N, C-alpha and C. Protein backbone atom coordinates (compact mmCIF):
# COMPACT_ATOMS: atom_id res chain seq x y z
N UNK A 1 -49.79 26.07 -10.09
CA UNK A 1 -50.03 25.97 -11.51
C UNK A 1 -51.45 26.41 -11.77
N UNK A 2 -51.60 27.38 -12.66
CA UNK A 2 -52.92 27.84 -13.06
C UNK A 2 -53.14 27.37 -14.48
N UNK A 3 -53.91 26.28 -14.62
CA UNK A 3 -54.12 25.67 -15.94
C UNK A 3 -54.86 26.60 -16.88
N UNK A 4 -55.79 27.39 -16.35
CA UNK A 4 -56.58 28.28 -17.20
C UNK A 4 -55.69 29.34 -17.87
N UNK A 5 -54.79 29.92 -17.11
CA UNK A 5 -53.93 30.97 -17.67
C UNK A 5 -52.60 30.41 -18.18
N UNK A 6 -52.38 29.11 -17.97
CA UNK A 6 -51.15 28.44 -18.38
C UNK A 6 -49.92 29.10 -17.78
N UNK A 7 -50.01 29.38 -16.47
CA UNK A 7 -48.90 30.01 -15.76
C UNK A 7 -48.50 29.17 -14.56
N UNK A 8 -47.22 29.13 -14.33
CA UNK A 8 -46.68 28.49 -13.15
C UNK A 8 -46.11 29.59 -12.27
N UNK A 9 -46.59 29.70 -11.05
CA UNK A 9 -46.13 30.72 -10.12
C UNK A 9 -45.25 30.05 -9.08
N UNK A 10 -44.03 30.54 -8.95
CA UNK A 10 -43.10 30.02 -7.96
C UNK A 10 -42.76 31.14 -7.00
N UNK A 11 -42.93 30.87 -5.71
CA UNK A 11 -42.59 31.85 -4.69
C UNK A 11 -41.37 31.34 -3.94
N UNK A 12 -40.46 32.25 -3.69
CA UNK A 12 -39.19 31.86 -3.07
C UNK A 12 -38.79 32.91 -2.06
N UNK A 13 -38.34 32.44 -0.88
CA UNK A 13 -37.77 33.34 0.12
C UNK A 13 -36.28 33.03 0.17
N UNK A 14 -35.46 33.89 -0.41
CA UNK A 14 -34.03 33.58 -0.55
C UNK A 14 -33.20 33.81 0.71
N UNK A 15 -33.83 34.15 1.84
CA UNK A 15 -33.06 34.50 3.04
C UNK A 15 -32.15 33.36 3.50
N UNK A 16 -32.68 32.15 3.58
CA UNK A 16 -31.89 31.04 4.11
C UNK A 16 -30.73 30.69 3.19
N UNK A 17 -30.99 30.53 1.91
CA UNK A 17 -29.92 30.17 0.98
C UNK A 17 -28.88 31.29 0.88
N UNK A 18 -29.31 32.52 0.95
CA UNK A 18 -28.38 33.66 0.92
C UNK A 18 -27.53 33.69 2.19
N UNK A 19 -28.16 33.40 3.32
CA UNK A 19 -27.44 33.38 4.58
C UNK A 19 -26.37 32.28 4.57
N UNK A 20 -26.69 31.12 4.02
CA UNK A 20 -25.73 30.01 3.98
C UNK A 20 -24.53 30.35 3.09
N UNK A 21 -24.76 31.03 1.99
CA UNK A 21 -23.65 31.43 1.12
C UNK A 21 -22.77 32.46 1.82
N UNK A 22 -23.38 33.44 2.47
CA UNK A 22 -22.62 34.50 3.15
C UNK A 22 -21.89 33.97 4.38
N UNK A 23 -22.48 32.99 5.04
CA UNK A 23 -21.89 32.43 6.27
C UNK A 23 -20.45 31.95 6.04
N UNK A 24 -20.19 31.34 4.89
CA UNK A 24 -18.85 30.82 4.61
C UNK A 24 -17.81 31.91 4.40
N UNK A 25 -18.25 33.13 4.10
CA UNK A 25 -17.30 34.25 3.97
C UNK A 25 -17.08 34.97 5.29
N UNK A 26 -17.91 34.68 6.29
CA UNK A 26 -17.87 35.43 7.54
C UNK A 26 -17.39 34.58 8.73
N UNK A 27 -17.88 33.36 8.82
CA UNK A 27 -17.65 32.52 10.00
C UNK A 27 -16.17 32.34 10.30
N UNK A 28 -15.79 32.63 11.54
CA UNK A 28 -14.43 32.39 12.00
C UNK A 28 -13.38 33.33 11.44
N UNK A 29 -13.80 34.46 10.89
CA UNK A 29 -12.83 35.38 10.28
C UNK A 29 -12.76 36.73 10.97
N UNK A 30 -13.29 36.84 12.16
CA UNK A 30 -13.25 38.11 12.86
C UNK A 30 -14.65 38.55 13.26
N UNK A 31 -14.84 39.84 13.40
CA UNK A 31 -16.11 40.40 13.84
C UNK A 31 -17.18 40.23 12.76
N UNK A 32 -18.17 39.37 13.04
CA UNK A 32 -19.21 39.05 12.06
C UNK A 32 -20.02 40.29 11.67
N UNK A 33 -20.28 41.18 12.61
CA UNK A 33 -21.07 42.38 12.31
C UNK A 33 -20.36 43.26 11.29
N UNK A 34 -19.06 43.40 11.44
CA UNK A 34 -18.28 44.20 10.49
C UNK A 34 -18.16 43.50 9.15
N UNK A 35 -17.83 42.21 9.17
CA UNK A 35 -17.66 41.46 7.92
C UNK A 35 -18.95 41.37 7.11
N UNK A 36 -20.09 41.28 7.79
CA UNK A 36 -21.35 41.15 7.07
C UNK A 36 -21.64 42.38 6.22
N UNK A 37 -21.09 43.53 6.58
CA UNK A 37 -21.28 44.75 5.79
C UNK A 37 -20.45 44.73 4.51
N UNK A 38 -19.43 43.85 4.45
CA UNK A 38 -18.56 43.75 3.28
C UNK A 38 -19.07 42.76 2.25
N UNK A 39 -20.05 41.93 2.63
CA UNK A 39 -20.53 40.85 1.77
C UNK A 39 -21.71 41.32 0.92
N UNK A 40 -21.66 40.99 -0.36
CA UNK A 40 -22.77 41.26 -1.27
C UNK A 40 -23.35 39.92 -1.69
N UNK A 41 -24.69 39.79 -1.63
CA UNK A 41 -25.33 38.52 -1.95
C UNK A 41 -26.36 38.74 -3.06
N UNK A 42 -26.32 37.86 -4.06
CA UNK A 42 -27.33 37.83 -5.11
C UNK A 42 -27.90 36.41 -5.17
N UNK A 43 -29.06 36.26 -5.78
CA UNK A 43 -29.64 34.93 -5.91
C UNK A 43 -30.40 34.84 -7.22
N UNK A 44 -30.70 33.59 -7.60
CA UNK A 44 -31.50 33.36 -8.79
C UNK A 44 -32.21 32.03 -8.66
N UNK A 45 -33.31 31.88 -9.37
CA UNK A 45 -34.01 30.60 -9.47
C UNK A 45 -33.50 29.88 -10.69
N UNK A 46 -33.40 28.58 -10.59
CA UNK A 46 -32.86 27.81 -11.70
C UNK A 46 -33.66 26.52 -11.88
N UNK A 47 -33.96 26.20 -13.12
CA UNK A 47 -34.60 24.94 -13.48
C UNK A 47 -33.50 23.89 -13.54
N UNK A 48 -33.55 22.89 -12.67
CA UNK A 48 -32.47 21.91 -12.58
C UNK A 48 -32.23 21.18 -13.90
N UNK A 49 -33.28 21.01 -14.70
CA UNK A 49 -33.13 20.31 -15.97
C UNK A 49 -32.33 21.13 -16.98
N UNK A 50 -32.34 22.43 -16.83
CA UNK A 50 -31.64 23.31 -17.78
C UNK A 50 -30.45 24.01 -17.17
N UNK A 51 -30.16 23.68 -15.95
CA UNK A 51 -29.09 24.36 -15.22
C UNK A 51 -27.72 24.00 -15.79
N UNK A 52 -26.89 24.99 -15.94
CA UNK A 52 -25.51 24.79 -16.38
C UNK A 52 -24.58 25.29 -15.29
N UNK A 53 -23.33 24.97 -15.41
CA UNK A 53 -22.36 25.48 -14.44
C UNK A 53 -22.32 26.99 -14.52
N UNK A 54 -22.14 27.66 -13.39
CA UNK A 54 -22.09 29.12 -13.42
C UNK A 54 -20.89 29.61 -14.22
N UNK A 55 -21.08 30.72 -14.89
CA UNK A 55 -19.99 31.35 -15.62
C UNK A 55 -19.36 32.37 -14.70
N UNK A 56 -18.13 32.09 -14.30
CA UNK A 56 -17.43 32.95 -13.36
C UNK A 56 -16.21 33.54 -14.04
N UNK A 57 -15.87 34.74 -13.63
CA UNK A 57 -14.64 35.33 -14.13
C UNK A 57 -13.47 34.52 -13.58
N UNK A 58 -12.49 34.22 -14.42
CA UNK A 58 -11.35 33.44 -13.93
C UNK A 58 -10.51 34.24 -12.95
N UNK A 59 -9.88 33.54 -12.03
CA UNK A 59 -8.95 34.18 -11.10
C UNK A 59 -7.66 34.38 -11.87
N UNK A 60 -7.32 35.61 -12.14
CA UNK A 60 -6.16 35.93 -12.97
C UNK A 60 -5.04 36.44 -12.10
N UNK A 61 -3.91 35.81 -12.22
CA UNK A 61 -2.71 36.29 -11.52
C UNK A 61 -1.87 37.03 -12.56
N UNK A 62 -1.76 38.32 -12.37
CA UNK A 62 -1.02 39.12 -13.34
C UNK A 62 0.48 38.88 -13.20
N UNK A 63 1.19 39.10 -14.29
CA UNK A 63 2.65 38.97 -14.21
C UNK A 63 3.24 40.28 -13.71
N UNK A 64 4.52 40.31 -13.56
CA UNK A 64 5.20 41.47 -12.97
C UNK A 64 5.86 42.37 -14.00
N UNK A 65 5.55 42.16 -15.26
CA UNK A 65 6.23 42.86 -16.36
C UNK A 65 6.19 44.38 -16.21
N UNK A 66 5.06 44.94 -15.80
CA UNK A 66 4.90 46.39 -15.76
C UNK A 66 5.31 47.02 -14.43
N UNK A 67 5.72 46.20 -13.47
CA UNK A 67 6.06 46.73 -12.15
C UNK A 67 7.45 47.36 -12.14
N UNK A 68 7.63 48.27 -11.22
CA UNK A 68 8.95 48.87 -10.99
C UNK A 68 9.85 47.84 -10.31
N UNK A 69 11.13 48.01 -10.46
CA UNK A 69 12.07 47.12 -9.81
C UNK A 69 12.36 47.60 -8.39
N UNK A 70 12.46 46.66 -7.46
CA UNK A 70 12.85 46.98 -6.09
C UNK A 70 14.31 46.60 -5.93
N UNK A 71 15.09 47.54 -5.46
CA UNK A 71 16.53 47.30 -5.29
C UNK A 71 16.77 46.52 -4.01
N UNK A 72 17.54 45.45 -4.13
CA UNK A 72 17.91 44.61 -2.99
C UNK A 72 19.44 44.50 -2.99
N UNK A 73 20.04 44.84 -1.87
CA UNK A 73 21.50 44.73 -1.75
C UNK A 73 21.86 43.31 -1.31
N UNK A 74 22.64 42.64 -2.16
CA UNK A 74 23.13 41.30 -1.85
C UNK A 74 24.65 41.35 -1.72
N UNK A 75 25.19 40.34 -1.08
CA UNK A 75 26.65 40.26 -0.97
C UNK A 75 27.26 40.15 -2.37
N UNK A 76 28.36 40.86 -2.57
CA UNK A 76 29.07 40.80 -3.86
C UNK A 76 29.58 39.37 -4.05
N UNK A 77 29.52 38.82 -5.18
CA UNK A 77 29.21 39.30 -6.51
C UNK A 77 27.76 39.06 -6.91
N UNK A 78 26.88 38.77 -5.97
CA UNK A 78 25.51 38.38 -6.30
C UNK A 78 24.63 39.59 -6.58
N UNK A 79 23.73 39.42 -7.53
CA UNK A 79 22.77 40.47 -7.89
C UNK A 79 21.52 39.81 -8.46
N UNK A 80 20.37 40.37 -8.15
CA UNK A 80 19.12 39.84 -8.70
C UNK A 80 18.98 40.26 -10.16
N UNK A 81 18.34 39.38 -10.94
CA UNK A 81 17.98 39.74 -12.31
C UNK A 81 16.87 40.79 -12.26
N UNK A 82 16.68 41.54 -13.34
CA UNK A 82 15.63 42.56 -13.37
C UNK A 82 14.26 41.96 -13.07
N UNK A 83 13.96 40.79 -13.64
CA UNK A 83 12.65 40.16 -13.42
C UNK A 83 12.47 39.78 -11.95
N UNK A 84 13.57 39.39 -11.29
CA UNK A 84 13.48 39.05 -9.87
C UNK A 84 13.21 40.29 -9.01
N UNK A 85 13.78 41.42 -9.41
CA UNK A 85 13.54 42.67 -8.68
C UNK A 85 12.07 43.08 -8.79
N UNK A 86 11.45 42.80 -9.94
CA UNK A 86 10.02 43.11 -10.13
C UNK A 86 9.15 42.18 -9.28
N UNK A 87 9.58 40.94 -9.13
CA UNK A 87 8.84 39.99 -8.30
C UNK A 87 8.90 40.44 -6.84
N UNK A 88 10.02 40.96 -6.41
CA UNK A 88 10.14 41.47 -5.04
C UNK A 88 9.14 42.60 -4.84
N UNK A 89 8.95 43.46 -5.85
CA UNK A 89 7.97 44.54 -5.76
C UNK A 89 6.57 43.96 -5.54
N UNK A 90 6.22 42.92 -6.29
CA UNK A 90 4.89 42.30 -6.16
C UNK A 90 4.74 41.65 -4.78
N UNK A 91 5.76 40.97 -4.32
CA UNK A 91 5.69 40.32 -3.01
C UNK A 91 5.51 41.36 -1.90
N UNK A 92 6.20 42.49 -2.02
CA UNK A 92 6.05 43.56 -1.02
C UNK A 92 4.63 44.12 -1.04
N UNK A 93 4.03 44.24 -2.22
CA UNK A 93 2.65 44.74 -2.32
C UNK A 93 1.68 43.77 -1.66
N UNK A 94 1.92 42.47 -1.82
CA UNK A 94 1.06 41.47 -1.16
C UNK A 94 1.23 41.58 0.35
N UNK A 95 2.45 41.68 0.82
CA UNK A 95 2.71 41.83 2.26
C UNK A 95 2.01 43.07 2.84
N UNK A 96 1.95 44.14 2.04
CA UNK A 96 1.34 45.39 2.50
C UNK A 96 -0.18 45.42 2.33
N UNK A 97 -0.77 44.31 1.83
CA UNK A 97 -2.22 44.23 1.66
C UNK A 97 -2.75 45.03 0.49
N UNK A 98 -1.94 45.28 -0.52
CA UNK A 98 -2.34 46.12 -1.66
C UNK A 98 -2.91 45.31 -2.83
N UNK A 99 -2.92 43.98 -2.74
CA UNK A 99 -3.41 43.13 -3.83
C UNK A 99 -4.82 42.65 -3.49
N UNK A 100 -5.80 43.14 -4.24
CA UNK A 100 -7.22 42.88 -3.96
C UNK A 100 -7.77 41.83 -4.92
N UNK A 101 -8.62 40.94 -4.40
CA UNK A 101 -9.33 39.98 -5.24
C UNK A 101 -10.74 39.80 -4.69
N UNK A 102 -11.60 39.17 -5.49
CA UNK A 102 -12.98 38.93 -5.06
C UNK A 102 -13.11 37.49 -4.57
N UNK A 103 -13.49 37.35 -3.33
CA UNK A 103 -13.73 36.04 -2.74
C UNK A 103 -15.20 35.70 -2.97
N UNK A 104 -15.49 34.44 -3.29
CA UNK A 104 -16.84 34.06 -3.71
C UNK A 104 -17.25 32.74 -3.08
N UNK A 105 -18.49 32.66 -2.63
CA UNK A 105 -19.08 31.41 -2.14
C UNK A 105 -20.46 31.28 -2.76
N UNK A 106 -20.84 30.05 -3.13
CA UNK A 106 -22.17 29.81 -3.70
C UNK A 106 -22.85 28.71 -2.90
N UNK A 107 -24.18 28.78 -2.85
CA UNK A 107 -24.98 27.75 -2.18
C UNK A 107 -26.22 27.49 -3.01
N UNK A 108 -26.51 26.23 -3.23
CA UNK A 108 -27.64 25.79 -4.08
C UNK A 108 -28.60 24.99 -3.21
N UNK A 109 -29.85 25.39 -3.16
CA UNK A 109 -30.87 24.70 -2.35
C UNK A 109 -32.05 24.32 -3.24
N UNK A 110 -32.39 23.04 -3.23
CA UNK A 110 -33.54 22.56 -4.00
C UNK A 110 -34.83 23.12 -3.40
N UNK A 111 -35.77 23.50 -4.26
CA UNK A 111 -37.07 23.99 -3.81
C UNK A 111 -37.87 22.79 -3.29
N UNK A 112 -38.77 23.01 -2.34
CA UNK A 112 -39.55 21.91 -1.77
C UNK A 112 -40.41 21.20 -2.82
N UNK A 113 -40.69 19.94 -2.56
CA UNK A 113 -41.53 19.17 -3.48
C UNK A 113 -40.71 18.66 -4.65
N UNK A 114 -41.39 18.25 -5.66
CA UNK A 114 -40.73 17.71 -6.86
C UNK A 114 -40.78 18.72 -8.00
N UNK A 115 -40.44 19.96 -7.70
CA UNK A 115 -40.56 21.02 -8.70
C UNK A 115 -39.44 21.00 -9.72
N UNK A 116 -38.26 20.51 -9.33
CA UNK A 116 -37.10 20.56 -10.23
C UNK A 116 -36.44 21.92 -10.26
N UNK A 117 -36.86 22.81 -9.37
CA UNK A 117 -36.29 24.15 -9.31
C UNK A 117 -35.39 24.25 -8.09
N UNK A 118 -34.40 25.13 -8.17
CA UNK A 118 -33.55 25.40 -7.03
C UNK A 118 -33.29 26.89 -6.94
N UNK A 119 -32.92 27.30 -5.75
CA UNK A 119 -32.54 28.70 -5.51
C UNK A 119 -31.03 28.70 -5.27
N UNK A 120 -30.32 29.50 -6.05
CA UNK A 120 -28.86 29.56 -5.96
C UNK A 120 -28.46 30.95 -5.48
N UNK A 121 -27.68 30.98 -4.42
CA UNK A 121 -27.20 32.26 -3.89
C UNK A 121 -25.69 32.35 -4.10
N UNK A 122 -25.23 33.57 -4.39
CA UNK A 122 -23.81 33.85 -4.56
C UNK A 122 -23.44 35.00 -3.63
N UNK A 123 -22.47 34.74 -2.75
CA UNK A 123 -21.98 35.77 -1.83
C UNK A 123 -20.56 36.13 -2.24
N UNK A 124 -20.26 37.42 -2.28
CA UNK A 124 -18.91 37.88 -2.65
C UNK A 124 -18.46 38.98 -1.70
N UNK A 125 -17.16 39.12 -1.62
CA UNK A 125 -16.57 40.27 -0.93
C UNK A 125 -15.18 40.49 -1.47
N UNK A 126 -14.77 41.73 -1.52
CA UNK A 126 -13.41 42.07 -1.95
C UNK A 126 -12.50 42.03 -0.73
N UNK A 127 -11.33 41.47 -0.93
CA UNK A 127 -10.37 41.43 0.17
C UNK A 127 -8.96 41.41 -0.37
N UNK A 128 -8.02 41.69 0.49
CA UNK A 128 -6.62 41.67 0.07
C UNK A 128 -6.05 40.28 0.29
N UNK A 129 -5.12 39.90 -0.56
CA UNK A 129 -4.40 38.65 -0.37
C UNK A 129 -3.57 38.81 0.90
N UNK A 130 -3.64 37.83 1.75
CA UNK A 130 -2.93 37.91 3.02
C UNK A 130 -1.44 37.68 2.82
N UNK A 131 -0.64 38.26 3.70
CA UNK A 131 0.81 38.23 3.58
C UNK A 131 1.43 36.87 3.83
N UNK A 132 2.68 36.88 4.24
CA UNK A 132 3.40 35.64 4.47
C UNK A 132 4.24 35.24 3.28
N UNK A 133 4.51 36.17 2.38
CA UNK A 133 5.25 35.86 1.16
C UNK A 133 6.75 36.07 1.38
N UNK A 134 7.11 37.12 2.07
CA UNK A 134 8.53 37.48 2.24
C UNK A 134 9.03 37.02 3.61
N UNK A 135 10.16 36.36 3.63
CA UNK A 135 10.79 35.96 4.88
C UNK A 135 11.95 36.88 5.16
N UNK A 136 12.30 36.98 6.43
CA UNK A 136 13.44 37.85 6.81
C UNK A 136 14.74 37.25 6.34
């Protein structure tokens, strides 16, 4: 705190908090060296007294209305409804790894002392929804 200039200077090294956020997207999921190249990390300083919940884009699951129908041969007299054929198309896309979403982890670390400030890191990576939707 510089009383003469009425300025508060805060210095922050975001490496540790950023590493902790990214760690949860990498640990136990395969080759860490490769996965670390897929992770994007950002950080910000926040005044705890004025801090609000982060504004995140909602996870949206789209419907199947615009998808093409997948033909499935069933024993006569059974037949899938049109909407069910579109759901099969979506399930096949998930099985093939074609459905992408953003995975996100956040980590909040209080700054040393009684400053009331914290450093918040957000780690993200794009990945496909894993299969296991369709059974034989």
